[in-house]
């Protein structure tokens, strides 16, 4: 992420909240540990709303890297649910700061890739076993990432 982090805010947030350390420990302790640490950090006071939103996107970007879409299907969707409810994105988010846009786009690109893996690798019989809440979330996320013309990814990312 450094190539787009002009003022070093991402590295500062990763370090300040020990995100990489938490995610590394989550490999051994499980996603419940990551959730516990996320909840602990979210209960603290952030300097700005921008810092909070960047933290959320960076934290879940790192978590997406360790969760298995095939071996922990429910955990994968719980992770997405936690991000979705913590981030509370507006349908139109054209007033984000430069750094917040970059963090959000980075998260969305990673989530898109993981969703592609999910669709390609997870049998439909396993998808049917997910809760109704997960099914609703799946539709909302899919719409947001792939179809919403005013979503951050569609507004700001030009490959």
C-alpha atoms as a PDB file:
ATOM      1  CA  UNK A   1       0.000   0.000   0.000  1.00  0.00           C
ATOM      2  CA  UNK A   2       2.961   2.283   0.344  1.00  0.00           C
ATOM      3  CA  UNK A   3       2.908   3.311  -3.325  1.00  0.00           C
ATOM      4  CA  UNK A   4      -0.359   5.204  -2.766  1.00  0.00           C
ATOM      5  CA  UNK A   5       0.257   6.275   0.830  1.00  0.00           C
ATOM      6  CA  UNK A   6       1.649   9.731   0.159  1.00  0.00           C
ATOM      7  CA  UNK A   7       1.803  10.868   3.770  1.00  0.00           C
ATOM      8  CA  UNK A   8       2.433   7.534   5.535  1.00  0.00           C
ATOM      9  CA  UNK A   9      -0.928   7.390   7.304  1.00  0.00           C
ATOM     10  CA  UNK A  10      -1.481   3.720   6.493  1.00  0.00           C
ATOM     11  CA  UNK A  11       1.839   2.638   7.960  1.00  0.00           C
ATOM     12  CA  UNK A  12       1.174   4.779  11.046  1.00  0.00           C
ATOM     13  CA  UNK A  13      -2.258   3.232  11.575  1.00  0.00           C
ATOM     14  CA  UNK A  14      -0.987  -0.313  10.941  1.00  0.00           C
ATOM     15  CA  UNK A  15       1.733   0.281  13.537  1.00  0.00           C
ATOM     16  CA  UNK A  16      -0.296   2.304  16.064  1.00  0.00           C
ATOM     17  CA  UNK A  17      -2.984  -0.362  16.356  1.00  0.00           C
ATOM     18  CA  UNK A  18      -0.612  -3.332  15.785  1.00  0.00           C
ATOM     19  CA  UNK A  19      -2.867  -4.627  13.013  1.00  0.00           C
ATOM     20  CA  UNK A  20      -0.300  -6.966  11.472  1.00  0.00           C
ATOM     21  CA  UNK A  21       0.549  -8.398  14.895  1.00  0.00           C
ATOM     22  CA  UNK A  22      -3.132  -9.013  15.660  1.00  0.00           C
ATOM     23  CA  UNK A  23      -3.706 -10.684  12.298  1.00  0.00           C
ATOM     24  CA  UNK A  24      -0.593 -12.845  12.689  1.00  0.00           C
ATOM     25  CA  UNK A  25      -1.820 -13.971  16.117  1.00  0.00           C
ATOM     26  CA  UNK A  26      -5.243 -14.662  14.614  1.00  0.00           C
ATOM     27  CA  UNK A  27      -3.672 -17.313  12.403  1.00  0.00           C
ATOM     28  CA  UNK A  28      -3.033 -19.321  15.573  1.00  0.00           C
ATOM     29  CA  UNK A  29      -5.823 -18.121  17.851  1.00  0.00           C
ATOM     30  CA  UNK A  30      -8.586 -17.882  15.235  1.00  0.00           C
ATOM     31  CA  UNK A  31     -10.795 -15.102  13.953  1.00  0.00           C
ATOM     32  CA  UNK A  32     -12.493 -14.779  17.345  1.00  0.00           C
ATOM     33  CA  UNK A  33      -9.228 -13.253  18.586  1.00  0.00           C
ATOM     34  CA  UNK A  34      -9.223 -10.734  15.713  1.00  0.00           C
ATOM     35  CA  UNK A  35     -12.842  -9.819  16.481  1.00  0.00           C
ATOM     36  CA  UNK A  36     -12.037  -9.368  20.183  1.00  0.00           C
ATOM     37  CA  UNK A  37      -9.080  -7.099  19.376  1.00  0.00           C
ATOM     38  CA  UNK A  38     -11.104  -5.159  16.811  1.00  0.00           C
ATOM     39  CA  UNK A  39     -13.864  -4.546  19.368  1.00  0.00           C
ATOM     40  CA  UNK A  40     -11.276  -3.459  21.944  1.00  0.00           C
ATOM     41  CA  UNK A  41      -9.688  -0.952  19.552  1.00  0.00           C
ATOM     42  CA  UNK A  42     -13.062   0.346  18.350  1.00  0.00           C
ATOM     43  CA  UNK A  43     -13.971   1.143  21.961  1.00  0.00           C
ATOM     44  CA  UNK A  44     -10.984   3.523  22.117  1.00  0.00           C
ATOM     45  CA  UNK A  45     -11.130   7.111  20.954  1.00  0.00           C
ATOM     46  CA  UNK A  46      -9.821   7.786  17.453  1.00  0.00           C
ATOM     47  CA  UNK A  47      -8.263  11.141  16.570  1.00  0.00           C
ATOM     48  CA  UNK A  48     -10.651  11.624  13.630  1.00  0.00           C
ATOM     49  CA  UNK A  49     -13.472   9.832  11.829  1.00  0.00           C
ATOM     50  CA  UNK A  50     -11.086   9.484   8.893  1.00  0.00           C
ATOM     51  CA  UNK A  51      -8.560   7.607  11.070  1.00  0.00           C
ATOM     52  CA  UNK A  52     -11.315   5.321  12.328  1.00  0.00           C
ATOM     53  CA  UNK A  53     -12.528   4.499   8.816  1.00  0.00           C
ATOM     54  CA  UNK A  54      -9.013   3.900   7.531  1.00  0.00           C
ATOM     55  CA  UNK A  55      -8.343   1.651  10.523  1.00  0.00           C
ATOM     56  CA  UNK A  56     -11.492  -0.372   9.753  1.00  0.00           C
ATOM     57  CA  UNK A  57     -10.543  -0.829   6.096  1.00  0.00           C
ATOM     58  CA  UNK A  58      -6.909  -1.682   6.853  1.00  0.00           C
ATOM     59  CA  UNK A  59      -7.839  -4.097   9.632  1.00  0.00           C
ATOM     60  CA  UNK A  60     -10.290  -6.042   7.510  1.00  0.00           C
ATOM     61  CA  UNK A  61      -8.033  -5.970   4.447  1.00  0.00           C
ATOM     62  CA  UNK A  62      -5.411  -7.774   6.523  1.00  0.00           C
ATOM     63  CA  UNK A  63      -7.991 -10.189   7.966  1.00  0.00           C
ATOM     64  CA  UNK A  64      -9.264 -11.075   4.482  1.00  0.00           C
ATOM     65  CA  UNK A  65      -5.775 -12.337   3.699  1.00  0.00           C
ATOM     66  CA  UNK A  66      -5.909 -15.054   6.360  1.00  0.00           C
ATOM     67  CA  UNK A  67      -9.497 -16.319   6.274  1.00  0.00           C
ATOM     68  CA  UNK A  68     -10.202 -19.331   4.080  1.00  0.00           C
ATOM     69  CA  UNK A  69     -13.229 -18.964   1.822  1.00  0.00           C
ATOM     70  CA  UNK A  70     -13.486 -22.754   1.519  1.00  0.00           C
ATOM     71  CA  UNK A  71     -12.569 -24.025   4.998  1.00  0.00           C
ATOM     72  CA  UNK A  72     -14.216 -21.305   7.085  1.00  0.00           C
ATOM     73  CA  UNK A  73     -17.201 -20.172   5.033  1.00  0.00           C
ATOM     74  CA  UNK A  74     -19.159 -18.891   8.008  1.00  0.00           C
ATOM     75  CA  UNK A  75     -16.080 -17.108   9.394  1.00  0.00           C
ATOM     76  CA  UNK A  76     -15.513 -15.465   6.015  1.00  0.00           C
ATOM     77  CA  UNK A  77     -19.062 -14.080   5.999  1.00  0.00           C
ATOM     78  CA  UNK A  78     -18.860 -13.056   9.661  1.00  0.00           C
ATOM     79  CA  UNK A  79     -15.726 -11.076   8.822  1.00  0.00           C
ATOM     80  CA  UNK A  80     -17.487  -9.321   5.938  1.00  0.00           C
ATOM     81  CA  UNK A  81     -20.522  -8.683   8.149  1.00  0.00           C
ATOM     82  CA  UNK A  82     -18.361  -7.135  10.833  1.00  0.00           C
ATOM     83  CA  UNK A  83     -16.695  -4.821   8.284  1.00  0.00           C
ATOM     84  CA  UNK A  84     -20.047  -3.907   6.700  1.00  0.00           C
ATOM     85  CA  UNK A  85     -21.612  -2.955  10.033  1.00  0.00           C
ATOM     86  CA  UNK A  86     -18.523  -1.158  11.343  1.00  0.00           C
ATOM     87  CA  UNK A  87     -17.919   0.831   8.155  1.00  0.00           C
ATOM     88  CA  UNK A  88     -21.540   1.887   7.550  1.00  0.00           C
ATOM     89  CA  UNK A  89     -20.915   3.192   4.050  1.00  0.00           C
ATOM     90  CA  UNK A  90     -23.329   5.593   2.475  1.00  0.00           C
ATOM     91  CA  UNK A  91     -24.642   4.659  -0.966  1.00  0.00           C
ATOM     92  CA  UNK A  92     -22.939   7.792  -2.268  1.00  0.00           C
ATOM     93  CA  UNK A  93     -19.513   8.387  -0.814  1.00  0.00           C
ATOM     94  CA  UNK A  94     -18.025  11.115  -2.943  1.00  0.00           C
ATOM     95  CA  UNK A  95     -16.788  13.207  -0.025  1.00  0.00           C
ATOM     96  CA  UNK A  96     -14.129  10.840   1.309  1.00  0.00           C
ATOM     97  CA  UNK A  97     -10.613  12.110   1.893  1.00  0.00           C
ATOM     98  CA  UNK A  98      -7.852  10.942  -0.442  1.00  0.00           C
ATOM     99  CA  UNK A  99      -6.424   8.518   2.126  1.00  0.00           C
ATOM    100  CA  UNK A 100      -9.826   7.148   3.058  1.00  0.00           C
ATOM    101  CA  UNK A 101     -10.628   6.538  -0.631  1.00  0.00           C
ATOM    102  CA  UNK A 102      -7.410   4.613  -1.105  1.00  0.00           C
ATOM    103  CA  UNK A 103      -7.967   2.445   1.981  1.00  0.00           C
ATOM    104  CA  UNK A 104     -11.562   1.729   0.965  1.00  0.00           C
ATOM    105  CA  UNK A 105     -10.663   0.941  -2.637  1.00  0.00           C
ATOM    106  CA  UNK A 106      -7.878  -1.366  -1.479  1.00  0.00           C
ATOM    107  CA  UNK A 107     -10.316  -3.200   0.802  1.00  0.00           C
ATOM    108  CA  UNK A 108     -12.974  -3.426  -1.920  1.00  0.00           C
ATOM    109  CA  UNK A 109     -10.504  -4.793  -4.478  1.00  0.00           C
ATOM    110  CA  UNK A 110      -9.371  -7.448  -2.006  1.00  0.00           C
ATOM    111  CA  UNK A 111     -12.959  -8.310  -1.120  1.00  0.00           C
ATOM    112  CA  UNK A 112     -13.892  -8.583  -4.803  1.00  0.00           C
ATOM    113  CA  UNK A 113     -11.061 -11.054  -5.311  1.00  0.00           C
ATOM    114  CA  UNK A 114     -12.073 -13.110  -2.292  1.00  0.00           C
ATOM    115  CA  UNK A 115     -15.711 -13.123  -3.493  1.00  0.00           C
ATOM    116  CA  UNK A 116     -14.571 -14.425  -6.872  1.00  0.00           C
ATOM    117  CA  UNK A 117     -12.717 -17.226  -5.075  1.00  0.00           C
ATOM    118  CA  UNK A 118     -15.811 -17.924  -2.986  1.00  0.00           C
ATOM    119  CA  UNK A 119     -18.068 -18.195  -6.040  1.00  0.00           C
ATOM    120  CA  UNK A 120     -15.550 -20.347  -7.923  1.00  0.00           C
ATOM    121  CA  UNK A 121     -14.596 -22.708  -5.094  1.00  0.00           C
ATOM    122  CA  UNK A 122     -17.519 -23.090  -2.696  1.00  0.00           C
ATOM    123  CA  UNK A 123     -20.233 -25.580  -3.700  1.00  0.00           C
ATOM    124  CA  UNK A 124     -23.776 -24.231  -3.777  1.00  0.00           C
ATOM    125  CA  UNK A 125     -24.782 -26.801  -1.151  1.00  0.00           C
ATOM    126  CA  UNK A 126     -22.428 -25.071   1.297  1.00  0.00           C
ATOM    127  CA  UNK A 127     -23.759 -21.617   0.397  1.00  0.00           C
ATOM    128  CA  UNK A 128     -27.280 -22.846   1.145  1.00  0.00           C
ATOM    129  CA  UNK A 129     -26.169 -23.714   4.694  1.00  0.00           C
ATOM    130  CA  UNK A 130     -25.339 -20.081   5.488  1.00  0.00           C
ATOM    131  CA  UNK A 131     -27.803 -18.110   7.571  1.00  0.00           C
ATOM    132  CA  UNK A 132     -30.463 -15.913   6.017  1.00  0.00           C
ATOM    133  CA  UNK A 133     -28.572 -12.901   7.359  1.00  0.00           C
ATOM    134  CA  UNK A 134     -25.470 -14.028   5.467  1.00  0.00           C
ATOM    135  CA  UNK A 135     -27.545 -14.454   2.305  1.00  0.00           C
ATOM    136  CA  UNK A 136     -28.893 -10.890   2.624  1.00  0.00           C
ATOM    137  CA  UNK A 137     -25.379  -9.609   3.255  1.00  0.00           C
ATOM    138  CA  UNK A 138     -24.102 -11.518   0.224  1.00  0.00           C
ATOM    139  CA  UNK A 139     -26.633  -9.728  -1.999  1.00  0.00           C
ATOM    140  CA  UNK A 140     -25.939  -6.315  -0.443  1.00  0.00           C
ATOM    141  CA  UNK A 141     -22.163  -6.676  -0.775  1.00  0.00           C
ATOM    142  CA  UNK A 142     -22.399  -8.015  -4.313  1.00  0.00           C
ATOM    143  CA  UNK A 143     -24.599  -5.090  -5.319  1.00  0.00           C
ATOM    144  CA  UNK A 144     -22.306  -2.602  -3.581  1.00  0.00           C
ATOM    145  CA  UNK A 145     -19.059  -3.913  -5.060  1.00  0.00           C
ATOM    146  CA  UNK A 146     -20.165  -4.773  -8.570  1.00  0.00           C
ATOM    147  CA  UNK A 147     -23.243  -2.715  -9.463  1.00  0.00           C
ATOM    148  CA  UNK A 148     -23.551   0.470  -7.392  1.00  0.00           C
ATOM    149  CA  UNK A 149     -22.434   3.318  -9.694  1.00  0.00           C
ATOM    150  CA  UNK A 150     -21.745   5.676  -6.770  1.00  0.00           C
ATOM    151  CA  UNK A 151     -19.708   3.221  -4.684  1.00  0.00           C
ATOM    152  CA  UNK A 152     -16.153   4.330  -3.907  1.00  0.00           C
ATOM    153  CA  UNK A 153     -14.634   1.629  -6.068  1.00  0.00           C
ATOM    154  CA  UNK A 154     -16.703   2.674  -9.076  1.00  0.00           C
ATOM    155  CA  UNK A 155     -16.216   6.396  -8.476  1.00  0.00           C
ATOM    156  CA  UNK A 156     -12.487   6.532  -7.853  1.00  0.00           C
ATOM    157  CA  UNK A 157     -10.715   3.483  -9.230  1.00  0.00           C
ATOM    158  CA  UNK A 158      -9.567   3.662 -12.826  1.00  0.00           C
ATOM    159  CA  UNK A 159      -7.467   0.608 -13.699  1.00  0.00           C
END
